[in-house]
Amino acid sequence: MLAELHGNVTKLRCNRCEGQVDNFPDLVTCPFCGGKLASSVVNFGQSLPHKALADSYRHSENCDLFIVVGSSLVVTPTADMPQVAVQAGARLVIINQGETPLDRVAHLRFWEGIGEVLPPAVAQLKELMKTA
């Protein structure tokens, strides 16, 4: 499951109902409620959308594997989600060149850069899925 807490440049979000639609330049009102549409990207200092935040906590509580990619895990509330997942029984993988507060509880820890870890990991997963 995926909850895009910080938005997506290809989506617009309604300021009233938080519904999301594809980003078309001529689209300014929400097709669901008539509210004003704006970029779904959350900039520094802006609040996270309530629905995406709630979805993220729900996904964290129900996942088998939680992967942290390129985060120092110091900015809340998102920094709390891996711990929620671990407490619910999930495995935790951290890919980050700097230290994080959850390094000691991670089941697998990569100190290399994202570009060094993810492409070969995805390639290996694709191969494994072919034989499954």
N, C-alpha and C. Protein backbone atom coordinates (compact mmCIF):
# COMPACT_ATOMS: atom_id res chain seq x y z
N MET A 1 0.84 -1.18 0.00
CA MET A 1 0.00 0.00 0.00
C MET A 1 0.88 1.25 0.00
N LEU A 2 0.35 2.31 -0.55
CA LEU A 2 1.10 3.55 -0.65
C LEU A 2 0.19 4.71 -0.27
N ALA A 3 0.70 5.56 0.61
CA ALA A 3 0.03 6.82 0.92
C ALA A 3 1.06 7.91 0.68
N GLU A 4 0.79 8.76 -0.28
CA GLU A 4 1.76 9.79 -0.65
C GLU A 4 1.58 11.01 0.25
N LEU A 5 2.23 10.95 1.41
CA LEU A 5 2.09 12.02 2.40
C LEU A 5 2.51 13.37 1.88
N HIS A 6 3.56 13.40 1.10
CA HIS A 6 4.07 14.68 0.62
C HIS A 6 3.58 15.01 -0.78
N GLY A 7 2.57 14.28 -1.24
CA GLY A 7 1.94 14.59 -2.51
C GLY A 7 2.60 13.95 -3.71
N ASN A 8 2.14 14.39 -4.87
CA ASN A 8 2.57 13.83 -6.13
C ASN A 8 2.40 14.93 -7.18
N VAL A 9 3.46 15.26 -7.89
CA VAL A 9 3.39 16.35 -8.87
C VAL A 9 2.39 16.09 -9.99
N THR A 10 1.97 14.86 -10.17
CA THR A 10 1.01 14.55 -11.23
C THR A 10 -0.43 14.61 -10.74
N LYS A 11 -0.64 14.99 -9.47
CA LYS A 11 -2.00 15.01 -8.90
C LYS A 11 -2.34 16.38 -8.33
N LEU A 12 -3.64 16.67 -8.36
CA LEU A 12 -4.20 17.84 -7.69
C LEU A 12 -5.04 17.32 -6.53
N ARG A 13 -5.10 18.10 -5.44
CA ARG A 13 -5.88 17.72 -4.27
C ARG A 13 -6.90 18.81 -3.97
N CYS A 14 -8.10 18.38 -3.60
CA CYS A 14 -9.16 19.31 -3.25
C CYS A 14 -8.91 19.84 -1.83
N ASN A 15 -9.01 21.16 -1.68
CA ASN A 15 -8.83 21.77 -0.37
C ASN A 15 -9.98 21.49 0.58
N ARG A 16 -11.13 21.05 0.04
CA ARG A 16 -12.30 20.79 0.88
C ARG A 16 -12.41 19.30 1.26
N CYS A 17 -12.44 18.40 0.26
CA CYS A 17 -12.69 16.98 0.55
C CYS A 17 -11.43 16.12 0.49
N GLU A 18 -10.30 16.69 0.10
CA GLU A 18 -9.02 16.00 -0.05
C GLU A 18 -9.02 14.95 -1.15
N GLY A 19 -10.04 14.97 -2.02
CA GLY A 19 -10.04 14.08 -3.18
C GLY A 19 -8.89 14.43 -4.11
N GLN A 20 -8.40 13.45 -4.84
CA GLN A 20 -7.29 13.68 -5.77
C GLN A 20 -7.70 13.34 -7.19
N VAL A 21 -7.19 14.14 -8.11
CA VAL A 21 -7.43 13.93 -9.54
C VAL A 21 -6.13 14.17 -10.29
N ASP A 22 -6.06 13.67 -11.51
CA ASP A 22 -4.88 13.92 -12.34
C ASP A 22 -4.73 15.41 -12.59
N ASN A 23 -3.50 15.86 -12.69
CA ASN A 23 -3.18 17.27 -12.84
C ASN A 23 -3.32 17.71 -14.30
N PHE A 24 -4.45 18.35 -14.60
CA PHE A 24 -4.67 18.95 -15.91
C PHE A 24 -4.72 20.46 -15.71
N PRO A 25 -4.03 21.24 -16.56
CA PRO A 25 -3.93 22.69 -16.37
C PRO A 25 -5.27 23.41 -16.29
N ASP A 26 -6.29 22.92 -17.00
CA ASP A 26 -7.57 23.62 -17.03
C ASP A 26 -8.52 23.19 -15.91
N LEU A 27 -8.11 22.26 -15.08
CA LEU A 27 -8.96 21.75 -14.00
C LEU A 27 -8.72 22.58 -12.74
N VAL A 28 -9.75 23.28 -12.26
CA VAL A 28 -9.60 24.14 -11.08
C VAL A 28 -10.58 23.81 -9.96
N THR A 29 -11.66 23.10 -10.27
CA THR A 29 -12.62 22.74 -9.23
C THR A 29 -12.74 21.22 -9.12
N CYS A 30 -12.99 20.77 -7.93
CA CYS A 30 -13.07 19.34 -7.63
C CYS A 30 -14.31 18.73 -8.27
N PRO A 31 -14.16 17.63 -9.01
CA PRO A 31 -15.31 16.98 -9.60
C PRO A 31 -16.19 16.27 -8.57
N PHE A 32 -15.68 16.09 -7.34
CA PHE A 32 -16.41 15.38 -6.30
C PHE A 32 -17.29 16.31 -5.47
N CYS A 33 -16.72 17.49 -5.11
CA CYS A 33 -17.46 18.37 -4.19
C CYS A 33 -17.52 19.83 -4.65
N GLY A 34 -16.81 20.18 -5.72
CA GLY A 34 -16.80 21.55 -6.21
C GLY A 34 -15.80 22.45 -5.52
N GLY A 35 -15.01 21.88 -4.60
CA GLY A 35 -14.00 22.67 -3.91
C GLY A 35 -12.86 23.07 -4.83
N LYS A 36 -11.96 23.90 -4.32
CA LYS A 36 -10.83 24.39 -5.11
C LYS A 36 -9.72 23.35 -5.14
N LEU A 37 -9.18 23.10 -6.34
CA LEU A 37 -8.07 22.17 -6.51
C LEU A 37 -6.74 22.92 -6.45
N ALA A 38 -5.74 22.27 -5.86
CA ALA A 38 -4.39 22.82 -5.79
C ALA A 38 -3.41 21.65 -5.92
N SER A 39 -2.17 21.97 -6.10
CA SER A 39 -1.15 20.92 -6.17
C SER A 39 -1.23 20.04 -4.93
N SER A 40 -1.03 18.74 -5.12
CA SER A 40 -1.06 17.83 -3.97
C SER A 40 0.27 17.81 -3.22
N VAL A 41 1.28 18.48 -3.77
CA VAL A 41 2.60 18.50 -3.14
C VAL A 41 2.53 19.32 -1.84
N VAL A 42 3.02 18.73 -0.75
CA VAL A 42 3.05 19.41 0.54
C VAL A 42 4.42 20.05 0.71
N ASN A 43 4.43 21.36 0.81
CA ASN A 43 5.67 22.10 0.97
C ASN A 43 6.01 22.28 2.44
N PHE A 44 7.25 22.67 2.72
CA PHE A 44 7.71 22.88 4.09
C PHE A 44 6.77 23.83 4.82
N GLY A 45 6.36 23.44 6.01
CA GLY A 45 5.48 24.28 6.82
C GLY A 45 4.00 24.01 6.63
N GLN A 46 3.64 23.29 5.57
CA GLN A 46 2.23 22.97 5.34
C GLN A 46 1.86 21.69 6.10
N SER A 47 0.60 21.59 6.47
CA SER A 47 0.12 20.39 7.16
C SER A 47 -0.03 19.24 6.18
N LEU A 48 0.19 18.04 6.68
CA LEU A 48 -0.05 16.85 5.87
C LEU A 48 -1.55 16.65 5.73
N PRO A 49 -2.01 16.14 4.60
CA PRO A 49 -3.44 15.89 4.41
C PRO A 49 -3.93 14.83 5.40
N HIS A 50 -5.07 15.08 6.03
CA HIS A 50 -5.59 14.18 7.07
C HIS A 50 -5.80 12.76 6.57
N LYS A 51 -6.40 12.61 5.39
CA LYS A 51 -6.69 11.27 4.87
C LYS A 51 -5.41 10.49 4.60
N ALA A 52 -4.44 11.11 3.95
CA ALA A 52 -3.18 10.43 3.66
C ALA A 52 -2.44 10.06 4.94
N LEU A 53 -2.51 10.91 5.94
CA LEU A 53 -1.87 10.64 7.22
C LEU A 53 -2.53 9.45 7.91
N ALA A 54 -3.85 9.45 7.94
CA ALA A 54 -4.58 8.32 8.54
C ALA A 54 -4.31 7.03 7.78
N ASP A 55 -4.31 7.11 6.44
CA ASP A 55 -4.00 5.93 5.63
C ASP A 55 -2.60 5.41 5.94
N SER A 56 -1.65 6.31 6.12
CA SER A 56 -0.27 5.91 6.40
C SER A 56 -0.16 5.15 7.72
N TYR A 57 -0.83 5.63 8.74
CA TYR A 57 -0.81 4.91 10.02
C TYR A 57 -1.48 3.55 9.89
N ARG A 58 -2.60 3.50 9.16
CA ARG A 58 -3.30 2.22 8.96
C ARG A 58 -2.41 1.25 8.19
N HIS A 59 -1.75 1.72 7.14
CA HIS A 59 -0.84 0.86 6.38
C HIS A 59 0.32 0.39 7.27
N SER A 60 0.84 1.28 8.10
CA SER A 60 1.96 0.93 8.99
C SER A 60 1.56 -0.17 9.96
N GLU A 61 0.34 -0.10 10.47
CA GLU A 61 -0.15 -1.09 11.43
C GLU A 61 -0.42 -2.44 10.78
N ASN A 62 -0.61 -2.47 9.47
CA ASN A 62 -1.03 -3.70 8.79
C ASN A 62 -0.03 -4.25 7.79
N CYS A 63 1.18 -3.71 7.76
CA CYS A 63 2.15 -4.17 6.77
C CYS A 63 3.02 -5.31 7.33
N ASP A 64 3.61 -6.06 6.43
CA ASP A 64 4.56 -7.11 6.79
C ASP A 64 5.99 -6.60 6.72
N LEU A 65 6.20 -5.62 5.84
CA LEU A 65 7.53 -5.07 5.60
C LEU A 65 7.42 -3.56 5.45
N PHE A 66 8.24 -2.83 6.19
CA PHE A 66 8.27 -1.38 6.10
C PHE A 66 9.67 -0.99 5.64
N ILE A 67 9.76 -0.29 4.51
CA ILE A 67 11.06 0.10 3.96
C ILE A 67 11.19 1.61 4.06
N VAL A 68 12.23 2.06 4.75
CA VAL A 68 12.56 3.48 4.85
C VAL A 68 13.63 3.76 3.82
N VAL A 69 13.40 4.74 2.95
CA VAL A 69 14.35 5.07 1.90
C VAL A 69 14.72 6.55 1.99
N GLY A 70 15.98 6.82 2.32
CA GLY A 70 16.49 8.18 2.31
C GLY A 70 15.85 9.10 3.32
N SER A 71 15.65 8.62 4.53
CA SER A 71 15.07 9.47 5.58
C SER A 71 15.89 9.36 6.85
N SER A 72 16.05 10.49 7.52
CA SER A 72 16.75 10.51 8.80
C SER A 72 15.83 10.07 9.94
N LEU A 73 14.55 9.96 9.67
CA LEU A 73 13.54 9.56 10.65
C LEU A 73 13.52 10.45 11.88
N VAL A 74 13.63 11.76 11.66
CA VAL A 74 13.57 12.68 12.79
C VAL A 74 12.38 13.64 12.71
N VAL A 75 11.71 13.71 11.57
CA VAL A 75 10.57 14.63 11.43
C VAL A 75 9.27 13.84 11.62
N THR A 76 8.54 14.21 12.66
CA THR A 76 7.27 13.54 12.93
C THR A 76 6.15 14.27 12.19
N PRO A 77 5.06 13.61 11.90
CA PRO A 77 4.67 12.30 12.38
C PRO A 77 5.20 11.13 11.55
N THR A 78 5.75 11.40 10.38
CA THR A 78 6.17 10.29 9.53
C THR A 78 7.28 9.46 10.17
N ALA A 79 8.11 10.06 10.99
CA ALA A 79 9.20 9.32 11.64
C ALA A 79 8.67 8.28 12.62
N ASP A 80 7.42 8.42 13.06
CA ASP A 80 6.83 7.47 13.99
C ASP A 80 6.32 6.20 13.31
N MET A 81 6.06 6.27 12.03
CA MET A 81 5.40 5.16 11.33
C MET A 81 6.20 3.87 11.28
N PRO A 82 7.52 3.91 11.06
CA PRO A 82 8.26 2.65 11.09
C PRO A 82 8.17 1.94 12.45
N GLN A 83 8.18 2.72 13.53
CA GLN A 83 8.05 2.13 14.87
C GLN A 83 6.67 1.50 15.05
N VAL A 84 5.63 2.15 14.53
CA VAL A 84 4.28 1.59 14.57
C VAL A 84 4.26 0.24 13.86
N ALA A 85 4.91 0.18 12.70
CA ALA A 85 4.96 -1.06 11.92
C ALA A 85 5.69 -2.16 12.69
N VAL A 86 6.84 -1.82 13.25
CA VAL A 86 7.62 -2.82 14.00
C VAL A 86 6.83 -3.33 15.20
N GLN A 87 6.17 -2.45 15.91
CA GLN A 87 5.37 -2.85 17.07
C GLN A 87 4.22 -3.76 16.67
N ALA A 88 3.76 -3.64 15.43
CA ALA A 88 2.67 -4.49 14.93
C ALA A 88 3.20 -5.79 14.33
N GLY A 89 4.53 -5.97 14.33
CA GLY A 89 5.11 -7.22 13.85
C GLY A 89 5.78 -7.18 12.50
N ALA A 90 5.88 -6.02 11.89
CA ALA A 90 6.51 -5.90 10.57
C ALA A 90 8.03 -5.95 10.68
N ARG A 91 8.65 -6.33 9.59
CA ARG A 91 10.11 -6.24 9.45
C ARG A 91 10.44 -4.83 8.97
N LEU A 92 11.58 -4.31 9.41
CA LEU A 92 11.98 -2.96 9.06
C LEU A 92 13.30 -2.98 8.31
N VAL A 93 13.31 -2.34 7.13
CA VAL A 93 14.51 -2.16 6.33
C VAL A 93 14.76 -0.66 6.22
N ILE A 94 15.99 -0.24 6.49
CA ILE A 94 16.35 1.17 6.38
C ILE A 94 17.48 1.31 5.36
N ILE A 95 17.25 2.18 4.38
CA ILE A 95 18.26 2.52 3.38
C ILE A 95 18.53 4.01 3.54
N ASN A 96 19.62 4.35 4.19
CA ASN A 96 19.95 5.75 4.44
C ASN A 96 21.42 5.86 4.78
N GLN A 97 22.10 6.83 4.22
CA GLN A 97 23.53 6.97 4.47
C GLN A 97 23.83 7.52 5.86
N GLY A 98 22.92 8.25 6.44
CA GLY A 98 23.13 8.77 7.79
C GLY A 98 22.42 7.93 8.83
N GLU A 99 22.80 8.15 10.08
CA GLU A 99 22.18 7.41 11.19
C GLU A 99 20.72 7.82 11.35
N THR A 100 19.93 6.88 11.90
CA THR A 100 18.53 7.16 12.25
C THR A 100 18.29 6.66 13.67
N PRO A 101 17.26 7.15 14.33
CA PRO A 101 16.94 6.67 15.67
C PRO A 101 16.49 5.21 15.70
N LEU A 102 16.14 4.64 14.55
CA LEU A 102 15.64 3.26 14.53
C LEU A 102 16.66 2.25 13.99
N ASP A 103 17.90 2.67 13.83
CA ASP A 103 18.92 1.75 13.31
C ASP A 103 19.02 0.48 14.15
N ARG A 104 18.88 0.61 15.46
CA ARG A 104 19.05 -0.55 16.35
C ARG A 104 17.91 -1.56 16.25
N VAL A 105 16.75 -1.15 15.75
CA VAL A 105 15.63 -2.08 15.63
C VAL A 105 15.40 -2.57 14.21
N ALA A 106 16.18 -2.04 13.27
CA ALA A 106 16.02 -2.45 11.86
C ALA A 106 16.45 -3.90 11.69
N HIS A 107 15.69 -4.64 10.91
CA HIS A 107 16.01 -6.02 10.60
C HIS A 107 17.08 -6.11 9.51
N LEU A 108 17.14 -5.07 8.68
CA LEU A 108 18.14 -4.99 7.62
C LEU A 108 18.48 -3.51 7.44
N ARG A 109 19.78 -3.20 7.48
CA ARG A 109 20.21 -1.80 7.43
C ARG A 109 21.24 -1.61 6.33
N PHE A 110 20.96 -0.70 5.39
CA PHE A 110 21.89 -0.35 4.32
C PHE A 110 22.40 1.05 4.57
N TRP A 111 23.71 1.22 4.56
CA TRP A 111 24.34 2.53 4.74
C TRP A 111 24.69 3.16 3.41
N GLU A 112 24.58 2.42 2.33
CA GLU A 112 24.91 2.91 0.99
C GLU A 112 23.83 3.87 0.50
N GLY A 113 24.13 4.53 -0.60
CA GLY A 113 23.17 5.42 -1.22
C GLY A 113 22.00 4.66 -1.83
N ILE A 114 20.89 5.34 -1.99
CA ILE A 114 19.69 4.73 -2.54
C ILE A 114 19.96 4.11 -3.91
N GLY A 115 20.67 4.84 -4.76
CA GLY A 115 20.97 4.36 -6.11
C GLY A 115 21.83 3.12 -6.14
N GLU A 116 22.57 2.88 -5.08
CA GLU A 116 23.39 1.67 -5.01
C GLU A 116 22.59 0.46 -4.54
N VAL A 117 21.51 0.69 -3.81
CA VAL A 117 20.75 -0.40 -3.19
C VAL A 117 19.50 -0.76 -3.99
N LEU A 118 18.68 0.23 -4.32
CA LEU A 118 17.38 -0.08 -4.92
C LEU A 118 17.43 -0.73 -6.30
N PRO A 119 18.20 -0.21 -7.26
CA PRO A 119 18.18 -0.87 -8.58
C PRO A 119 18.55 -2.36 -8.53
N PRO A 120 19.64 -2.76 -7.85
CA PRO A 120 19.93 -4.19 -7.81
C PRO A 120 18.89 -4.98 -7.01
N ALA A 121 18.33 -4.37 -5.97
CA ALA A 121 17.31 -5.07 -5.19
C ALA A 121 16.06 -5.32 -6.01
N VAL A 122 15.65 -4.32 -6.78
CA VAL A 122 14.46 -4.47 -7.64
C VAL A 122 14.73 -5.51 -8.72
N ALA A 123 15.92 -5.49 -9.31
CA ALA A 123 16.27 -6.48 -10.34
C ALA A 123 16.21 -7.89 -9.76
N GLN A 124 16.74 -8.06 -8.56
CA GLN A 124 16.73 -9.38 -7.93
C GLN A 124 15.30 -9.82 -7.59
N LEU A 125 14.48 -8.90 -7.12
CA LEU A 125 13.08 -9.23 -6.83
C LEU A 125 12.34 -9.64 -8.10
N LYS A 126 12.61 -8.95 -9.20
CA LYS A 126 11.97 -9.33 -10.47
C LYS A 126 12.33 -10.75 -10.85
N GLU A 127 13.59 -11.11 -10.70
CA GLU A 127 14.04 -12.47 -11.01
C GLU A 127 13.37 -13.49 -10.10
N LEU A 128 13.29 -13.19 -8.82
CA LEU A 128 12.66 -14.10 -7.87
C LEU A 128 11.17 -14.28 -8.16
N MET A 129 10.53 -13.23 -8.61
CA MET A 129 9.10 -13.31 -8.90
C MET A 129 8.83 -14.12 -10.17
N LYS A 130 9.79 -14.18 -11.06
CA LYS A 130 9.61 -15.00 -12.26
C LYS A 130 9.56 -16.47 -11.93
N THR A 131 10.29 -16.87 -10.90
CA THR A 131 10.36 -18.29 -10.54
C THR A 131 9.30 -18.67 -9.50
N ALA A 132 8.62 -17.70 -8.95
CA ALA A 132 7.63 -18.00 -7.89
C ALA A 132 6.31 -18.47 -8.47
